[in-house]
Amino acid sequence: MTNLQRLVSQHQAKAAQMAAQSVDWSQRKHKWLAVLEQLMHQLRTSLADAGVPSAQMVTTHHRLTEEALGDYDAPGLEAKIGAAKIQFVPIASVIIGGYGRVDAIGPQGEVKLIAVDSQAFHDPEDHTPSYQREWVWAAYPDKSSRGGFRLDDEGLAKMLELLLGRA
């Protein structure tokens, strides 16, 4: 067997193994896209309530490719706050340590938004699939999992201050 044949064979075997797993990837993808839509709606509403004109917010569309979920379009958001632009760009659903990631990008840096289980600690015997659990968003300003905070209105203000700087 050549190296090329071995590589192709390994990838085909991995795809077959993933298909045989008990995860319902279509349900997971549906949940991810619904949670993304909710996040973008929540961001638009919070920003509008804070005084950002709706004309300064634009829905963006991003083509994502994930091994388990395939190719799909995911919503994002771009908002102009003062003279600065903030982008919310979906990255992936299948990630380590969470159920999905969106990058918030501004002139002062980036913040990772991670969808996590609403119950920080659940029974290890509970095998409820991720798409049947409640997800919440947490913001992580650096590459580690330390220093994260919940993305509520207070968390959104903190995140925007990191991305925009103080006025």
Foldseek 3Di string as FASTA:
>chain_A
DDPVVVVVVVVVVVLVVLVPDPDPLVLLVVLVQVVLVVVVVQVLVLVVVVPFDNVQKDKDWDWDADSSNGTDIHIWMWGQDPNKIWIWAWHDQDDPPARGWTWIAIPQGIKIKGWHFPPPDDDPVDPPDPSPTDTFIWIHRDPDPPPIGGPDSVNVVVRVCNRPPDD
